[in-house]
């Protein structure tokens, strides 16, 4: 299922290269749609081994989430920006420094999933583009400077599992040289943005 592209130069947005993949990686994210635990779940690799734990806040104006490695170290935090016209999710380091923002291109999007990722690099120019169809449940994340697809995010269709277990399932595909933490944060941010629609 993984795609066999090679991203060059490698993507190292989160953790200074710690999460850069040495080969293609497929991750599965099963997120509970509604939970009293505040939307907590795990992200697993193709063999079912946990890679990240995501802990959500039960009562939070910005619906803040913490993404942790399996040793319990916080990798990054996500939360909605309440001071933006366009739906925006901000991703920060554990100490609150902005890493990047995921922002919807337009104010209203019903069928498309068109967003930009802005790194905290001192300019207001988008660095990545998220493009696809929320309805078709497929999106790609492209680095604008090189045209490399650095991640593909697929949401599995509505089925009995969604109804019975109240879960959305995502497949996150990362090529060689991609940043698996960045791809995971983008998938979570996109889900949060479209959950608000």
Protein backbone atom coordinates (compact mmCIF):
# COMPACT_ATOMS: atom_id res chain seq x y z
CA UNK A 1 0.00 0.00 0.00
CA UNK A 2 2.91 2.39 0.60
CA UNK A 3 4.16 4.55 -2.23
CA UNK A 4 7.79 4.25 -3.20
CA UNK A 5 8.83 7.81 -3.93
CA UNK A 6 11.97 9.31 -2.41
CA UNK A 7 11.75 12.82 -0.98
CA UNK A 8 14.94 14.81 -1.45
CA UNK A 9 16.03 16.73 0.49
CA UNK A 10 14.39 14.84 3.37
CA UNK A 11 11.55 16.47 5.31
CA UNK A 12 12.48 17.31 8.91
CA UNK A 13 9.74 19.58 10.24
CA UNK A 14 9.14 17.91 13.62
CA UNK A 15 11.95 16.84 15.94
CA UNK A 16 14.87 17.99 13.76
CA UNK A 17 14.94 14.83 11.63
CA UNK A 18 14.20 12.29 14.38
CA UNK A 19 11.02 11.24 12.55
CA UNK A 20 12.40 11.22 8.99
CA UNK A 21 11.64 7.82 7.43
CA UNK A 22 14.41 5.65 5.99
CA UNK A 23 11.88 3.75 3.89
CA UNK A 24 8.21 3.98 2.93
CA UNK A 25 5.92 3.91 5.99
CA UNK A 26 2.19 3.22 6.30
CA UNK A 27 0.53 4.41 9.49
CA UNK A 28 -3.02 3.76 10.70
CA UNK A 29 -4.86 6.24 12.85
CA UNK A 30 -8.18 5.14 14.38
CA UNK A 31 -9.75 8.13 16.01
CA UNK A 32 -12.84 7.92 18.18
CA UNK A 33 -15.34 10.46 16.91
CA UNK A 34 -16.81 11.24 20.33
CA UNK A 35 -15.26 10.27 23.62
CA UNK A 36 -15.38 11.26 27.26
CA UNK A 37 -11.61 10.80 27.35
CA UNK A 38 -11.17 13.87 25.16
CA UNK A 39 -10.46 12.17 21.84
CA UNK A 40 -7.45 10.01 22.78
CA UNK A 41 -6.09 7.35 20.41
CA UNK A 42 -2.93 5.73 19.00
CA UNK A 43 -1.21 5.85 15.63
CA UNK A 44 0.24 2.47 14.60
CA UNK A 45 2.61 1.23 11.90
CA UNK A 46 1.72 -1.41 9.28
CA UNK A 47 2.50 -4.23 11.74
CA UNK A 48 0.16 -2.82 14.38
CA UNK A 49 2.95 -1.46 16.61
CA UNK A 50 2.07 1.86 18.29
CA UNK A 51 4.18 4.81 17.10
CA UNK A 52 2.35 7.77 18.68
CA UNK A 53 -0.20 8.31 21.44
CA UNK A 54 -2.58 11.22 21.05
CA UNK A 55 -4.23 12.70 24.13
CA UNK A 56 -7.07 15.16 23.73
CA UNK A 57 -8.43 17.62 26.27
CA UNK A 58 -11.96 16.95 27.44
CA UNK A 59 -12.92 20.59 27.94
CA UNK A 60 -10.88 22.98 25.83
CA UNK A 61 -11.90 25.98 23.77
CA UNK A 62 -9.24 25.14 21.16
CA UNK A 63 -9.68 21.33 21.37
CA UNK A 64 -5.98 20.91 22.22
CA UNK A 65 -4.25 17.60 21.58
CA UNK A 66 -0.81 16.34 22.66
CA UNK A 67 1.04 13.88 20.41
CA UNK A 68 3.52 11.73 22.33
CA UNK A 69 6.05 9.07 21.45
CA UNK A 70 5.63 5.66 23.05
CA UNK A 71 7.92 6.64 25.96
CA UNK A 72 5.43 9.39 26.90
CA UNK A 73 7.54 12.32 25.62
CA UNK A 74 5.45 15.07 24.04
CA UNK A 75 6.43 15.41 20.37
CA UNK A 76 4.08 18.31 19.57
CA UNK A 77 0.75 19.89 20.50
CA UNK A 78 -2.15 20.84 18.22
CA UNK A 79 -4.99 23.25 18.74
CA UNK A 80 -7.44 25.40 16.82
CA UNK A 81 -6.67 29.04 16.25
CA UNK A 82 -9.69 30.99 17.47
CA UNK A 83 -8.40 34.26 15.98
CA UNK A 84 -8.47 33.33 12.29
CA UNK A 85 -11.05 33.87 9.55
CA UNK A 86 -10.00 30.62 7.86
CA UNK A 87 -10.19 27.41 9.88
CA UNK A 88 -6.67 26.91 11.24
CA UNK A 89 -4.84 24.37 13.38
CA UNK A 90 -1.55 25.39 14.99
CA UNK A 91 1.14 22.82 15.80
CA UNK A 92 3.64 23.74 18.51
CA UNK A 93 6.62 22.26 20.30
CA UNK A 94 6.00 21.03 23.86
CA UNK A 95 7.24 24.42 25.16
CA UNK A 96 4.75 26.33 22.99
CA UNK A 97 6.97 27.45 20.06
CA UNK A 98 5.03 27.41 16.76
CA UNK A 99 6.22 24.72 14.32
CA UNK A 100 3.60 25.18 11.62
CA UNK A 101 -0.03 26.05 10.90
CA UNK A 102 -2.51 24.19 8.72
CA UNK A 103 -4.98 26.65 7.21
CA UNK A 104 -8.00 26.14 4.97
CA UNK A 105 -7.63 28.01 1.63
CA UNK A 106 -11.16 29.40 1.58
CA UNK A 107 -13.76 30.12 4.20
CA UNK A 108 -16.20 27.46 2.93
CA UNK A 109 -15.24 24.11 1.38
CA UNK A 110 -17.88 21.45 1.05
CA UNK A 111 -16.33 18.83 -1.26
CA UNK A 112 -12.68 19.78 -1.60
CA UNK A 113 -9.84 19.60 0.87
CA UNK A 114 -7.62 22.50 -0.12
CA UNK A 115 -5.32 23.79 2.57
CA UNK A 116 -1.87 25.21 3.02
CA UNK A 117 0.80 24.45 5.61
CA UNK A 118 2.81 27.45 6.78
CA UNK A 119 6.10 26.70 8.53
CA UNK A 120 7.24 29.11 11.23
CA UNK A 121 10.08 30.31 9.01
CA UNK A 122 9.54 34.06 9.16
CA UNK A 123 7.50 34.55 5.99
CA UNK A 124 3.83 34.34 5.10
CA UNK A 125 4.33 32.12 2.06
CA UNK A 126 2.84 28.59 2.22
CA UNK A 127 5.41 25.79 2.27
CA UNK A 128 3.14 22.77 1.66
CA UNK A 129 -0.19 22.29 -0.03
CA UNK A 130 -2.84 19.78 1.01
CA UNK A 131 -5.07 18.95 -1.90
CA UNK A 132 -7.76 16.40 -2.49
CA UNK A 133 -11.35 15.62 -1.84
CA UNK A 134 -12.78 15.31 1.63
CA UNK A 135 -15.78 13.57 0.13
CA UNK A 136 -13.59 11.06 -1.77
CA UNK A 137 -11.50 10.80 1.40
CA UNK A 138 -8.12 11.20 -0.28
CA UNK A 139 -5.56 13.98 0.12
CA UNK A 140 -1.93 14.51 -0.77
CA UNK A 141 0.56 16.79 0.94
CA UNK A 142 3.00 18.41 -1.50
CA UNK A 143 6.14 20.42 -0.71
CA UNK A 144 5.70 23.51 -2.86
CA UNK A 145 9.44 24.22 -3.29
CA UNK A 146 10.14 20.85 -4.95
CA UNK A 147 6.75 19.44 -5.97
CA UNK A 148 7.44 16.28 -3.93
CA UNK A 149 4.44 14.50 -2.42
CA UNK A 150 5.54 14.06 1.21
CA UNK A 151 2.41 12.25 2.46
CA UNK A 152 -0.88 10.76 1.36
CA UNK A 153 -3.83 10.66 3.73
CA UNK A 154 -6.80 8.39 3.06
CA UNK A 155 -9.88 8.20 5.24
CA UNK A 156 -11.65 4.86 5.07
CA UNK A 157 -15.28 5.08 3.98
CA UNK A 158 -18.30 5.07 6.21
CA UNK A 159 -18.98 1.49 7.31
CA UNK A 160 -20.30 -0.65 10.17
CA UNK A 161 -17.08 -0.07 12.13
CA UNK A 162 -17.79 3.69 12.08
CA UNK A 163 -21.34 3.10 13.33
CA UNK A 164 -20.67 0.46 15.97
CA UNK A 165 -17.33 1.65 17.33
CA UNK A 166 -17.70 5.37 16.57
CA UNK A 167 -14.27 5.60 14.89
CA UNK A 168 -12.76 7.30 11.86
CA UNK A 169 -9.85 5.36 10.34
CA UNK A 170 -7.07 7.04 8.39
CA UNK A 171 -4.16 5.56 6.46
CA UNK A 172 -1.15 7.88 6.37
CA UNK A 173 1.45 6.99 3.73
CA UNK A 174 4.92 8.52 4.03
CA UNK A 175 7.64 8.01 1.40
CA UNK A 176 11.36 7.53 2.03
CA UNK A 177 12.68 10.83 3.35
CA UNK A 178 9.27 11.95 4.64
CA UNK A 179 8.62 13.08 8.21
CA UNK A 180 6.19 10.64 9.87
CA UNK A 181 5.48 12.98 12.80
CA UNK A 182 4.73 15.88 10.41
CA UNK A 183 2.45 13.67 8.28
CA UNK A 184 0.61 12.49 11.43
CA UNK A 185 0.14 16.07 12.71
CA UNK A 186 -1.17 17.17 9.29
CA UNK A 187 -3.66 14.26 9.25
CA UNK A 188 -4.92 15.15 12.74
CA UNK A 189 -5.11 18.87 11.89
CA UNK A 190 -7.06 18.20 8.68
CA UNK A 191 -9.50 15.96 10.54
CA UNK A 192 -10.02 18.67 13.16
CA UNK A 193 -10.56 21.37 10.52
CA UNK A 194 -13.16 19.33 8.66
CA UNK A 195 -14.86 18.21 11.85
CA UNK A 196 -15.74 21.88 12.40
CA UNK A 197 -17.43 22.18 8.96
